[in-house]
Amino acid sequence: MKKIIVIFSICLLFAGGINAQDIKLPAPQTTGGMPLMEALSKRQTTRTFSNRDVDRQTLSNLLWSANGFNRPDRRTAPTARDRQELELYVALSTGLYWYDAKAHTLVQKSKKDIRALTGQQDFVGVAPVNIVIVGDTKKQDVEKYYYLDCGYVSQNIYLFCASAGLITVARGLFDAPALSKALELPRTHAIVLTQTVGYSK
């Protein structure tokens, strides 16, 4: 009987389309938080990260705030000509993930801890979350537009962190070829920015 239950559970898992390593995030909490003017007054860049983990609910709220869907086909960050060309990859201690915003799920791309590859500062390998913002140049063929759009996502992260008691720093210093290889990006995808999120020491 136990064997049948195990087999049935495995079948359900694959039928649901989610791999065991993927992370189905809890629904984002889209109400509450700090008033906007207060969050703006507290927004800052910090580089002194502890290795304290970010819990699943906070991670869910963070990614939704960054570039989730707040309407059926529209997102929390605008994009020029509504191309929605930006993708988020998330480097955690448990591996590398792609943020499927529609399903609000982290899809595991690798089990390797590549946090240290996301930048050239020591803290990137210690901080619990490193977000890599990637532009799909087939969707948005004007370079200045996906850089502009990336700024909206980055600021969303900054404001969420200010509201949630997290710290963050946006970074342009990284080995793009090595990181692109780790992410297994096609040539049509370009890394625009990386951003570290966590708690202060």
N, C-alpha and C. Protein backbone atom coordinates (compact mmCIF):
# COMPACT_ATOMS: atom_id res chain seq x y z
N MET A 1 0.83 -1.21 0.00
CA MET A 1 0.00 0.00 0.00
C MET A 1 0.86 1.26 0.00
N LYS A 2 1.93 1.26 0.84
CA LYS A 2 2.82 2.41 0.90
C LYS A 2 3.48 2.66 -0.45
N LYS A 3 3.83 1.56 -1.14
CA LYS A 3 4.47 1.68 -2.45
C LYS A 3 3.54 2.35 -3.45
N ILE A 4 2.28 2.02 -3.39
CA ILE A 4 1.29 2.62 -4.29
C ILE A 4 1.15 4.11 -4.03
N ILE A 5 1.14 4.49 -2.75
CA ILE A 5 1.02 5.91 -2.37
C ILE A 5 2.21 6.70 -2.88
N VAL A 6 3.42 6.14 -2.74
CA VAL A 6 4.63 6.81 -3.21
C VAL A 6 4.58 7.02 -4.72
N ILE A 7 4.21 5.96 -5.45
CA ILE A 7 4.13 6.05 -6.92
C ILE A 7 3.09 7.09 -7.33
N PHE A 8 1.95 7.09 -6.64
CA PHE A 8 0.87 8.05 -6.94
C PHE A 8 1.34 9.48 -6.69
N SER A 9 2.09 9.68 -5.62
CA SER A 9 2.60 11.02 -5.29
C SER A 9 3.57 11.52 -6.35
N ILE A 10 4.44 10.62 -6.82
CA ILE A 10 5.39 10.98 -7.87
C ILE A 10 4.66 11.36 -9.16
N CYS A 11 3.62 10.59 -9.49
CA CYS A 11 2.82 10.89 -10.69
C CYS A 11 2.16 12.26 -10.59
N LEU A 12 1.64 12.57 -9.41
CA LEU A 12 1.02 13.87 -9.20
C LEU A 12 2.02 15.00 -9.37
N LEU A 13 3.23 14.78 -8.88
CA LEU A 13 4.28 15.81 -8.96
C LEU A 13 4.60 16.14 -10.41
N PHE A 14 4.76 15.09 -11.23
CA PHE A 14 5.09 15.32 -12.63
C PHE A 14 3.89 15.83 -13.41
N ALA A 15 2.71 15.40 -13.04
CA ALA A 15 1.49 15.89 -13.71
C ALA A 15 1.31 17.37 -13.47
N GLY A 16 1.74 17.84 -12.31
CA GLY A 16 1.60 19.26 -11.98
C GLY A 16 2.60 20.13 -12.70
N GLY A 17 3.58 19.54 -13.36
CA GLY A 17 4.52 20.31 -14.16
C GLY A 17 5.61 21.01 -13.35
N ILE A 18 5.74 20.71 -12.09
CA ILE A 18 6.77 21.36 -11.27
C ILE A 18 7.78 20.31 -10.84
N ASN A 19 9.04 20.56 -11.16
CA ASN A 19 10.09 19.64 -10.73
C ASN A 19 10.27 19.74 -9.23
N ALA A 20 10.80 18.67 -8.64
CA ALA A 20 10.98 18.65 -7.18
C ALA A 20 11.91 19.77 -6.72
N GLN A 21 12.84 20.21 -7.60
CA GLN A 21 13.80 21.22 -7.23
C GLN A 21 13.27 22.64 -7.42
N ASP A 22 12.20 22.79 -8.17
CA ASP A 22 11.60 24.10 -8.37
C ASP A 22 10.96 24.58 -7.08
N ILE A 23 10.83 25.89 -6.95
CA ILE A 23 10.24 26.47 -5.75
C ILE A 23 8.96 27.20 -6.13
N LYS A 24 7.82 26.64 -5.77
CA LYS A 24 6.55 27.32 -5.97
C LYS A 24 6.40 28.32 -4.83
N LEU A 25 6.52 29.59 -5.16
CA LEU A 25 6.52 30.63 -4.14
C LEU A 25 5.12 30.84 -3.58
N PRO A 26 5.01 31.18 -2.30
CA PRO A 26 3.68 31.53 -1.76
C PRO A 26 3.17 32.79 -2.44
N ALA A 27 1.87 32.97 -2.43
CA ALA A 27 1.28 34.16 -3.06
C ALA A 27 1.89 35.42 -2.44
N PRO A 28 2.21 36.42 -3.26
CA PRO A 28 2.80 37.64 -2.71
C PRO A 28 1.79 38.41 -1.87
N GLN A 29 2.28 39.05 -0.84
CA GLN A 29 1.46 39.92 0.00
C GLN A 29 1.46 41.30 -0.65
N THR A 30 0.35 41.65 -1.27
CA THR A 30 0.30 42.87 -2.08
C THR A 30 -0.37 44.04 -1.38
N THR A 31 -0.59 43.92 -0.09
CA THR A 31 -1.12 45.04 0.69
C THR A 31 -0.19 45.29 1.87
N GLY A 32 -0.36 46.45 2.48
CA GLY A 32 0.46 46.78 3.65
C GLY A 32 1.81 47.32 3.24
N GLY A 33 2.77 47.17 4.11
CA GLY A 33 4.10 47.69 3.84
C GLY A 33 4.23 49.14 4.27
N MET A 34 5.39 49.70 4.05
CA MET A 34 5.73 51.05 4.45
C MET A 34 5.13 52.07 3.47
N PRO A 35 4.63 53.19 3.95
CA PRO A 35 4.17 54.24 3.03
C PRO A 35 5.28 54.65 2.07
N LEU A 36 4.91 55.02 0.85
CA LEU A 36 5.88 55.30 -0.19
C LEU A 36 6.90 56.36 0.23
N MET A 37 6.44 57.48 0.79
CA MET A 37 7.37 58.55 1.12
C MET A 37 8.37 58.12 2.18
N GLU A 38 7.93 57.26 3.09
CA GLU A 38 8.84 56.75 4.11
C GLU A 38 9.86 55.80 3.50
N ALA A 39 9.40 54.94 2.56
CA ALA A 39 10.32 54.03 1.88
C ALA A 39 11.36 54.80 1.08
N LEU A 40 10.93 55.87 0.42
CA LEU A 40 11.87 56.70 -0.33
C LEU A 40 12.91 57.33 0.59
N SER A 41 12.48 57.75 1.76
CA SER A 41 13.42 58.38 2.69
C SER A 41 14.41 57.38 3.26
N LYS A 42 14.05 56.09 3.28
CA LYS A 42 14.93 55.06 3.82
C LYS A 42 15.72 54.32 2.74
N ARG A 43 15.44 54.60 1.47
CA ARG A 43 16.14 53.90 0.39
C ARG A 43 17.63 54.23 0.42
N GLN A 44 18.45 53.18 0.39
CA GLN A 44 19.90 53.39 0.41
C GLN A 44 20.62 52.16 -0.13
N THR A 45 21.89 52.35 -0.45
CA THR A 45 22.75 51.26 -0.89
C THR A 45 23.62 50.83 0.28
N THR A 46 23.68 49.50 0.52
CA THR A 46 24.48 48.96 1.62
C THR A 46 25.23 47.73 1.12
N ARG A 47 26.45 47.55 1.61
CA ARG A 47 27.29 46.44 1.14
C ARG A 47 27.76 45.53 2.27
N THR A 48 27.20 45.67 3.45
CA THR A 48 27.64 44.84 4.59
C THR A 48 26.59 43.77 4.87
N PHE A 49 26.69 42.67 4.14
CA PHE A 49 25.67 41.62 4.20
C PHE A 49 26.03 40.52 5.20
N SER A 50 25.01 40.02 5.89
CA SER A 50 25.16 38.81 6.69
C SER A 50 24.75 37.63 5.82
N ASN A 51 24.96 36.41 6.31
CA ASN A 51 24.56 35.22 5.56
C ASN A 51 23.17 34.72 5.96
N ARG A 52 22.44 35.54 6.69
CA ARG A 52 21.08 35.17 7.12
C ARG A 52 20.18 34.97 5.91
N ASP A 53 19.47 33.84 5.88
CA ASP A 53 18.59 33.52 4.76
C ASP A 53 17.37 34.44 4.72
N VAL A 54 16.86 34.64 3.51
CA VAL A 54 15.59 35.34 3.30
C VAL A 54 14.50 34.28 3.20
N ASP A 55 13.47 34.38 4.01
CA ASP A 55 12.42 33.35 4.01
C ASP A 55 11.61 33.39 2.72
N ARG A 56 10.87 32.32 2.46
CA ARG A 56 10.13 32.15 1.20
C ARG A 56 9.10 33.26 0.97
N GLN A 57 8.39 33.66 2.02
CA GLN A 57 7.38 34.70 1.83
C GLN A 57 8.03 36.03 1.45
N THR A 58 9.12 36.37 2.09
CA THR A 58 9.82 37.61 1.76
C THR A 58 10.39 37.55 0.35
N LEU A 59 10.94 36.39 -0.02
CA LEU A 59 11.45 36.21 -1.38
C LEU A 59 10.34 36.35 -2.40
N SER A 60 9.19 35.78 -2.10
CA SER A 60 8.02 35.91 -2.97
C SER A 60 7.63 37.37 -3.16
N ASN A 61 7.55 38.10 -2.06
CA ASN A 61 7.18 39.51 -2.12
C ASN A 61 8.21 40.32 -2.90
N LEU A 62 9.49 39.99 -2.68
CA LEU A 62 10.58 40.69 -3.35
C LEU A 62 10.50 40.54 -4.87
N LEU A 63 10.35 39.31 -5.34
CA LEU A 63 10.36 39.06 -6.78
C LEU A 63 9.11 39.61 -7.45
N TRP A 64 7.97 39.50 -6.77
CA TRP A 64 6.75 40.09 -7.32
C TRP A 64 6.90 41.61 -7.42
N SER A 65 7.45 42.22 -6.38
CA SER A 65 7.65 43.67 -6.40
C SER A 65 8.60 44.07 -7.52
N ALA A 66 9.64 43.27 -7.73
CA ALA A 66 10.65 43.58 -8.75
C ALA A 66 10.05 43.60 -10.14
N ASN A 67 9.37 42.52 -10.51
CA ASN A 67 8.86 42.43 -11.89
C ASN A 67 7.80 41.35 -12.03
N GLY A 68 6.90 41.30 -11.05
CA GLY A 68 5.82 40.34 -11.12
C GLY A 68 4.63 40.89 -11.91
N PHE A 69 3.58 40.10 -11.99
CA PHE A 69 2.36 40.52 -12.68
C PHE A 69 1.37 41.08 -11.67
N ASN A 70 1.00 42.35 -11.86
CA ASN A 70 -0.01 42.96 -10.98
C ASN A 70 -1.35 43.08 -11.68
N ARG A 71 -1.42 42.70 -12.94
CA ARG A 71 -2.64 42.59 -13.75
C ARG A 71 -2.43 41.40 -14.67
N PRO A 72 -3.47 40.90 -15.32
CA PRO A 72 -3.29 39.67 -16.11
C PRO A 72 -2.11 39.69 -17.08
N ASP A 73 -1.89 40.80 -17.77
CA ASP A 73 -0.81 40.86 -18.75
C ASP A 73 0.11 42.06 -18.55
N ARG A 74 0.10 42.64 -17.36
CA ARG A 74 0.92 43.81 -17.08
C ARG A 74 1.70 43.57 -15.79
N ARG A 75 2.84 44.28 -15.67
CA ARG A 75 3.76 43.96 -14.60
C ARG A 75 3.99 45.14 -13.67
N THR A 76 4.67 44.88 -12.56
CA THR A 76 4.93 45.92 -11.56
C THR A 76 5.96 46.93 -12.05
N ALA A 77 6.75 46.58 -13.06
CA ALA A 77 7.72 47.49 -13.65
C ALA A 77 7.36 47.72 -15.12
N PRO A 78 7.36 48.98 -15.58
CA PRO A 78 7.03 49.25 -16.98
C PRO A 78 8.17 48.87 -17.91
N THR A 79 7.84 48.66 -19.19
CA THR A 79 8.87 48.47 -20.22
C THR A 79 8.48 49.29 -21.45
N ALA A 80 9.49 49.79 -22.14
CA ALA A 80 9.24 50.57 -23.35
C ALA A 80 8.51 49.72 -24.38
N ARG A 81 7.47 50.28 -24.96
CA ARG A 81 6.63 49.61 -25.96
C ARG A 81 6.00 48.31 -25.43
N ASP A 82 5.97 48.21 -24.09
CA ASP A 82 5.38 47.04 -23.42
C ASP A 82 5.97 45.73 -23.93
N ARG A 83 7.28 45.71 -24.15
CA ARG A 83 7.92 44.50 -24.67
C ARG A 83 8.16 43.44 -23.60
N GLN A 84 8.16 43.84 -22.32
CA GLN A 84 8.35 42.89 -21.21
C GLN A 84 9.54 41.96 -21.47
N GLU A 85 10.67 42.59 -21.81
CA GLU A 85 11.84 41.84 -22.27
C GLU A 85 12.78 41.40 -21.15
N LEU A 86 12.50 41.81 -19.93
CA LEU A 86 13.44 41.50 -18.84
C LEU A 86 13.10 40.19 -18.15
N GLU A 87 14.14 39.42 -17.85
CA GLU A 87 13.98 38.18 -17.11
C GLU A 87 14.88 38.25 -15.88
N LEU A 88 14.42 37.62 -14.81
CA LEU A 88 15.18 37.61 -13.57
C LEU A 88 15.70 36.20 -13.29
N TYR A 89 17.00 36.12 -13.03
CA TYR A 89 17.61 34.89 -12.54
C TYR A 89 18.01 35.14 -11.09
N VAL A 90 17.84 34.13 -10.26
CA VAL A 90 18.06 34.29 -8.82
C VAL A 90 19.07 33.25 -8.36
N ALA A 91 20.20 33.74 -7.84
CA ALA A 91 21.24 32.85 -7.32
C ALA A 91 21.10 32.75 -5.81
N LEU A 92 20.81 31.54 -5.34
CA LEU A 92 20.66 31.24 -3.92
C LEU A 92 21.69 30.19 -3.53
N SER A 93 21.80 29.92 -2.25
CA SER A 93 22.75 28.88 -1.81
C SER A 93 22.34 27.50 -2.33
N THR A 94 21.05 27.33 -2.63
CA THR A 94 20.53 26.04 -3.10
C THR A 94 20.62 25.88 -4.61
N GLY A 95 21.10 26.91 -5.31
CA GLY A 95 21.24 26.79 -6.75
C GLY A 95 20.84 28.05 -7.50
N LEU A 96 20.77 27.90 -8.81
CA LEU A 96 20.40 28.99 -9.70
C LEU A 96 18.98 28.76 -10.21
N TYR A 97 18.19 29.83 -10.20
CA TYR A 97 16.79 29.73 -10.59
C TYR A 97 16.42 30.82 -11.59
N TRP A 98 15.44 30.52 -12.44
CA TRP A 98 14.81 31.51 -13.31
C TRP A 98 13.43 31.81 -12.74
N TYR A 99 13.12 33.09 -12.61
CA TYR A 99 11.83 33.50 -12.05
C TYR A 99 10.77 33.47 -13.14
N ASP A 100 9.87 32.50 -13.06
CA ASP A 100 8.71 32.41 -13.95
C ASP A 100 7.62 33.27 -13.31
N ALA A 101 7.52 34.52 -13.78
CA ALA A 101 6.61 35.48 -13.14
C ALA A 101 5.15 35.08 -13.29
N LYS A 102 4.78 34.50 -14.42
CA LYS A 102 3.39 34.10 -14.64
C LYS A 102 2.96 33.04 -13.62
N ALA A 103 3.81 32.05 -13.41
CA ALA A 103 3.51 30.97 -12.47
C ALA A 103 3.95 31.32 -11.06
N HIS A 104 4.64 32.44 -10.90
CA HIS A 104 5.23 32.86 -9.63
C HIS A 104 5.99 31.69 -8.99
N THR A 105 6.91 31.18 -9.79
CA THR A 105 7.70 30.00 -9.42
C THR A 105 9.16 30.23 -9.77
N LEU A 106 10.04 29.73 -8.91
CA LEU A 106 11.47 29.72 -9.23
C LEU A 106 11.80 28.37 -9.86
N VAL A 107 12.19 28.41 -11.12
CA VAL A 107 12.52 27.20 -11.87
C VAL A 107 14.01 26.96 -11.77
N GLN A 108 14.39 25.83 -11.20
CA GLN A 108 15.81 25.58 -10.98
C GLN A 108 16.51 25.28 -12.30
N LYS A 109 17.59 26.04 -12.56
CA LYS A 109 18.42 25.84 -13.75
C LYS A 109 19.68 25.06 -13.42
N SER A 110 20.12 25.16 -12.18
CA SER A 110 21.33 24.46 -11.76
C SER A 110 21.30 24.30 -10.24
N LYS A 111 21.93 23.23 -9.75
CA LYS A 111 22.04 23.03 -8.31
C LYS A 111 23.31 23.67 -7.74
N LYS A 112 24.13 24.24 -8.62
CA LYS A 112 25.38 24.86 -8.17
C LYS A 112 25.11 26.20 -7.50
N ASP A 113 25.87 26.49 -6.48
CA ASP A 113 25.82 27.80 -5.83
C ASP A 113 26.75 28.73 -6.61
N ILE A 114 26.17 29.58 -7.45
CA ILE A 114 26.99 30.47 -8.29
C ILE A 114 26.97 31.91 -7.79
N ARG A 115 26.56 32.12 -6.54
CA ARG A 115 26.45 33.50 -6.04
C ARG A 115 27.74 34.30 -6.25
N ALA A 116 28.88 33.68 -6.01
CA ALA A 116 30.15 34.40 -6.13
C ALA A 116 30.43 34.84 -7.56
N LEU A 117 29.81 34.18 -8.54
CA LEU A 117 30.00 34.55 -9.94
C LEU A 117 29.22 35.80 -10.34
N THR A 118 28.28 36.22 -9.50
CA THR A 118 27.42 37.34 -9.88
C THR A 118 28.08 38.70 -9.66
N GLY A 119 29.30 38.72 -9.16
CA GLY A 119 30.00 39.99 -8.96
C GLY A 119 31.43 39.75 -8.55
N GLN A 120 32.16 40.84 -8.39
CA GLN A 120 33.56 40.74 -8.05
C GLN A 120 33.88 41.23 -6.64
N GLN A 121 32.84 41.50 -5.87
CA GLN A 121 33.02 41.88 -4.47
C GLN A 121 32.82 40.66 -3.59
N ASP A 122 33.50 40.62 -2.45
CA ASP A 122 33.45 39.44 -1.57
C ASP A 122 32.04 39.15 -1.06
N PHE A 123 31.27 40.18 -0.84
CA PHE A 123 29.96 39.97 -0.19
C PHE A 123 28.96 39.20 -1.06
N VAL A 124 29.17 39.14 -2.37
CA VAL A 124 28.17 38.48 -3.23
C VAL A 124 28.08 36.98 -2.95
N GLY A 125 29.18 36.40 -2.51
CA GLY A 125 29.16 34.97 -2.21
C GLY A 125 28.60 34.65 -0.85
N VAL A 126 28.38 35.68 -0.02
CA VAL A 126 27.86 35.51 1.34
C VAL A 126 26.37 35.86 1.42
N ALA A 127 25.98 36.92 0.73
CA ALA A 127 24.60 37.38 0.78
C ALA A 127 23.66 36.29 0.28
N PRO A 128 22.46 36.19 0.85
CA PRO A 128 21.57 35.08 0.52
C PRO A 128 20.95 35.13 -0.88
N VAL A 129 20.78 36.34 -1.44
CA VAL A 129 20.07 36.48 -2.72
C VAL A 129 20.85 37.39 -3.65
N ASN A 130 21.13 36.89 -4.85
CA ASN A 130 21.69 37.72 -5.91
C ASN A 130 20.79 37.60 -7.14
N ILE A 131 20.25 38.73 -7.56
CA ILE A 131 19.34 38.77 -8.70
C ILE A 131 20.11 39.23 -9.92
N VAL A 132 19.97 38.50 -11.02
CA VAL A 132 20.60 38.87 -12.28
C VAL A 132 19.49 39.29 -13.24
N ILE A 133 19.56 40.54 -13.69
CA ILE A 133 18.53 41.07 -14.59
C ILE A 133 19.05 40.94 -16.02
N VAL A 134 18.28 40.23 -16.84
CA VAL A 134 18.69 39.87 -18.19
C VAL A 134 17.70 40.44 -19.20
N GLY A 135 18.22 41.02 -20.28
CA GLY A 135 17.38 41.55 -21.34
C GLY A 135 17.34 40.62 -22.54
N ASP A 136 16.14 40.35 -23.03
CA ASP A 136 15.96 39.57 -24.26
C ASP A 136 15.99 40.55 -25.43
N THR A 137 17.07 40.55 -26.18
CA THR A 137 17.25 41.53 -27.25
C THR A 137 16.38 41.24 -28.47
N LYS A 138 15.77 40.07 -28.53
CA LYS A 138 14.82 39.80 -29.61
C LYS A 138 13.48 40.48 -29.33
N LYS A 139 13.12 40.57 -28.05
CA LYS A 139 11.88 41.26 -27.69
C LYS A 139 12.06 42.78 -27.72
N GLN A 140 13.24 43.22 -27.28
CA GLN A 140 13.53 44.66 -27.20
C GLN A 140 14.87 44.90 -27.89
N ASP A 141 14.82 45.38 -29.13
CA ASP A 141 16.05 45.49 -29.91
C ASP A 141 16.76 46.83 -29.76
N VAL A 142 16.22 47.72 -28.96
CA VAL A 142 16.87 49.00 -28.72
C VAL A 142 17.56 48.94 -27.36
N GLU A 143 18.89 48.94 -27.37
CA GLU A 143 19.66 48.71 -26.15
C GLU A 143 19.30 49.69 -25.04
N LYS A 144 19.15 50.98 -25.37
CA LYS A 144 18.88 51.97 -24.33
C LYS A 144 17.55 51.70 -23.63
N TYR A 145 16.63 51.04 -24.32
CA TYR A 145 15.33 50.76 -23.72
C TYR A 145 15.44 49.67 -22.65
N TYR A 146 16.19 48.60 -22.92
CA TYR A 146 16.24 47.57 -21.88
C TYR A 146 17.12 48.00 -20.71
N TYR A 147 18.05 48.92 -20.93
CA TYR A 147 18.78 49.50 -19.80
C TYR A 147 17.85 50.40 -18.98
N LEU A 148 17.04 51.18 -19.67
CA LEU A 148 16.06 52.03 -18.98
C LEU A 148 15.09 51.18 -18.17
N ASP A 149 14.56 50.14 -18.80
CA ASP A 149 13.58 49.28 -18.14
C ASP A 149 14.18 48.58 -16.93
N CYS A 150 15.45 48.21 -17.04
CA CYS A 150 16.15 47.57 -15.93
C CYS A 150 16.19 48.49 -14.71
N GLY A 151 16.31 49.79 -14.96
CA GLY A 151 16.32 50.76 -13.87
C GLY A 151 15.04 50.74 -13.06
N TYR A 152 13.91 50.52 -13.75
CA TYR A 152 12.64 50.45 -13.03
C TYR A 152 12.61 49.24 -12.10
N VAL A 153 13.08 48.10 -12.61
CA VAL A 153 13.10 46.88 -11.80
C VAL A 153 14.02 47.06 -10.60
N SER A 154 15.19 47.61 -10.84
CA SER A 154 16.15 47.82 -9.77
C SER A 154 15.58 48.75 -8.69
N GLN A 155 14.92 49.81 -9.10
CA GLN A 155 14.33 50.72 -8.11
C GLN A 155 13.20 50.05 -7.34
N ASN A 156 12.42 49.21 -8.02
CA ASN A 156 11.39 48.45 -7.30
C ASN A 156 12.03 47.61 -6.19
N ILE A 157 13.17 46.99 -6.50
CA ILE A 157 13.87 46.19 -5.50
C ILE A 157 14.35 47.07 -4.35
N TYR A 158 14.91 48.21 -4.67
CA TYR A 158 15.38 49.14 -3.64
C TYR A 158 14.24 49.56 -2.71
N LEU A 159 13.10 49.91 -3.28
CA LEU A 159 11.99 50.38 -2.45
C LEU A 159 11.40 49.25 -1.62
N PHE A 160 11.32 48.04 -2.22
CA PHE A 160 10.83 46.91 -1.43
C PHE A 160 11.77 46.65 -0.26
N CYS A 161 13.06 46.66 -0.51
CA CYS A 161 14.03 46.40 0.56
C CYS A 161 13.92 47.43 1.67
N ALA A 162 13.75 48.70 1.31
CA ALA A 162 13.59 49.74 2.32
C ALA A 162 12.36 49.47 3.17
N SER A 163 11.29 49.03 2.53
CA SER A 163 10.04 48.76 3.24
C SER A 163 10.10 47.51 4.11
N ALA A 164 10.86 46.50 3.66
CA ALA A 164 10.87 45.20 4.32
C ALA A 164 12.03 45.02 5.30
N GLY A 165 12.86 46.05 5.46
CA GLY A 165 13.99 45.92 6.40
C GLY A 165 15.15 45.13 5.85
N LEU A 166 15.24 45.04 4.52
CA LEU A 166 16.36 44.37 3.87
C LEU A 166 17.35 45.42 3.37
N ILE A 167 18.54 44.96 2.97
CA ILE A 167 19.50 45.86 2.36
C ILE A 167 19.77 45.37 0.94
N THR A 168 20.26 46.28 0.09
CA THR A 168 20.50 45.90 -1.30
C THR A 168 21.55 46.81 -1.91
N VAL A 169 22.16 46.31 -2.98
CA VAL A 169 23.08 47.10 -3.78
C VAL A 169 23.00 46.61 -5.22
N ALA A 170 22.81 47.55 -6.16
CA ALA A 170 22.84 47.23 -7.59
C ALA A 170 24.28 47.28 -8.06
N ARG A 171 24.65 46.35 -8.96
CA ARG A 171 26.06 46.23 -9.33
C ARG A 171 26.23 46.05 -10.84
N GLY A 172 27.18 46.79 -11.38
CA GLY A 172 27.52 46.65 -12.79
C GLY A 172 28.86 45.97 -13.00
N LEU A 173 29.51 45.62 -11.89
CA LEU A 173 30.83 44.99 -11.96
C LEU A 173 30.70 43.48 -11.83
N PHE A 174 30.80 42.79 -12.97
CA PHE A 174 30.73 41.32 -12.99
C PHE A 174 31.37 40.85 -14.29
N ASP A 175 31.76 39.58 -14.28
CA ASP A 175 32.36 38.97 -15.47
C ASP A 175 31.22 38.47 -16.35
N ALA A 176 30.82 39.29 -17.32
CA ALA A 176 29.64 38.98 -18.13
C ALA A 176 29.76 37.65 -18.88
N PRO A 177 30.90 37.36 -19.54
CA PRO A 177 31.00 36.07 -20.25
C PRO A 177 30.86 34.86 -19.31
N ALA A 178 31.53 34.93 -18.16
CA ALA A 178 31.47 33.80 -17.22
C ALA A 178 30.08 33.63 -16.64
N LEU A 179 29.45 34.76 -16.31
CA LEU A 179 28.11 34.67 -15.73
C LEU A 179 27.09 34.23 -16.78
N SER A 180 27.22 34.72 -17.99
CA SER A 180 26.32 34.29 -19.08
C SER A 180 26.44 32.79 -19.32
N LYS A 181 27.66 32.28 -19.24
CA LYS A 181 27.87 30.84 -19.42
C LYS A 181 27.23 30.06 -18.29
N ALA A 182 27.36 30.55 -17.06
CA ALA A 182 26.75 29.87 -15.90
C ALA A 182 25.23 29.86 -16.01
N LEU A 183 24.67 30.94 -16.56
CA LEU A 183 23.22 31.05 -16.73
C LEU A 183 22.74 30.30 -17.97
N GLU A 184 23.70 29.88 -18.82
CA GLU A 184 23.40 29.20 -20.10
C GLU A 184 22.50 30.08 -20.97
N LEU A 185 22.87 31.35 -21.08
CA LEU A 185 22.06 32.29 -21.84
C LEU A 185 22.33 32.13 -23.34
N PRO A 186 21.27 32.25 -24.14
CA PRO A 186 21.50 32.31 -25.59
C PRO A 186 22.11 33.65 -25.97
N ARG A 187 22.61 33.75 -27.17
CA ARG A 187 23.28 34.98 -27.61
C ARG A 187 22.33 36.18 -27.66
N THR A 188 21.06 35.91 -27.74
CA THR A 188 20.07 36.99 -27.82
C THR A 188 19.74 37.58 -26.46
N HIS A 189 20.36 37.07 -25.41
CA HIS A 189 20.10 37.56 -24.05
C HIS A 189 21.36 38.24 -23.49
N ALA A 190 21.16 39.40 -22.89
CA ALA A 190 22.29 40.17 -22.35
C ALA A 190 22.07 40.48 -20.88
N ILE A 191 23.10 40.25 -20.06
CA ILE A 191 23.02 40.62 -18.65
C ILE A 191 23.14 42.14 -18.55
N VAL A 192 22.17 42.76 -17.90
CA VAL A 192 22.16 44.21 -17.79
C VAL A 192 22.69 44.66 -16.43
N LEU A 193 22.29 43.96 -15.38
CA LEU A 193 22.63 44.40 -14.02
C LEU A 193 22.51 43.22 -13.08
N THR A 194 23.27 43.25 -12.00
CA THR A 194 23.07 42.28 -10.92
C THR A 194 22.75 43.07 -9.64
N GLN A 195 21.97 42.46 -8.76
CA GLN A 195 21.58 43.17 -7.54
C GLN A 195 21.53 42.20 -6.38
N THR A 196 22.24 42.55 -5.32
CA THR A 196 22.34 41.71 -4.14
C THR A 196 21.32 42.16 -3.11
N VAL A 197 20.68 41.18 -2.45
CA VAL A 197 19.66 41.46 -1.44
C VAL A 197 19.90 40.58 -0.23
N GLY A 198 19.71 41.13 0.95
CA GLY A 198 19.84 40.35 2.18
C GLY A 198 19.63 41.21 3.40
N TYR A 199 20.26 40.76 4.48
CA TYR A 199 20.16 41.48 5.77
C TYR A 199 21.52 42.06 6.13
N SER A 200 21.50 43.14 6.85
CA SER A 200 22.74 43.78 7.29
C SER A 200 23.38 42.96 8.40
N LYS A 201 24.70 43.04 8.50
CA LYS A 201 25.43 42.38 9.59
C LYS A 201 25.02 42.97 10.93
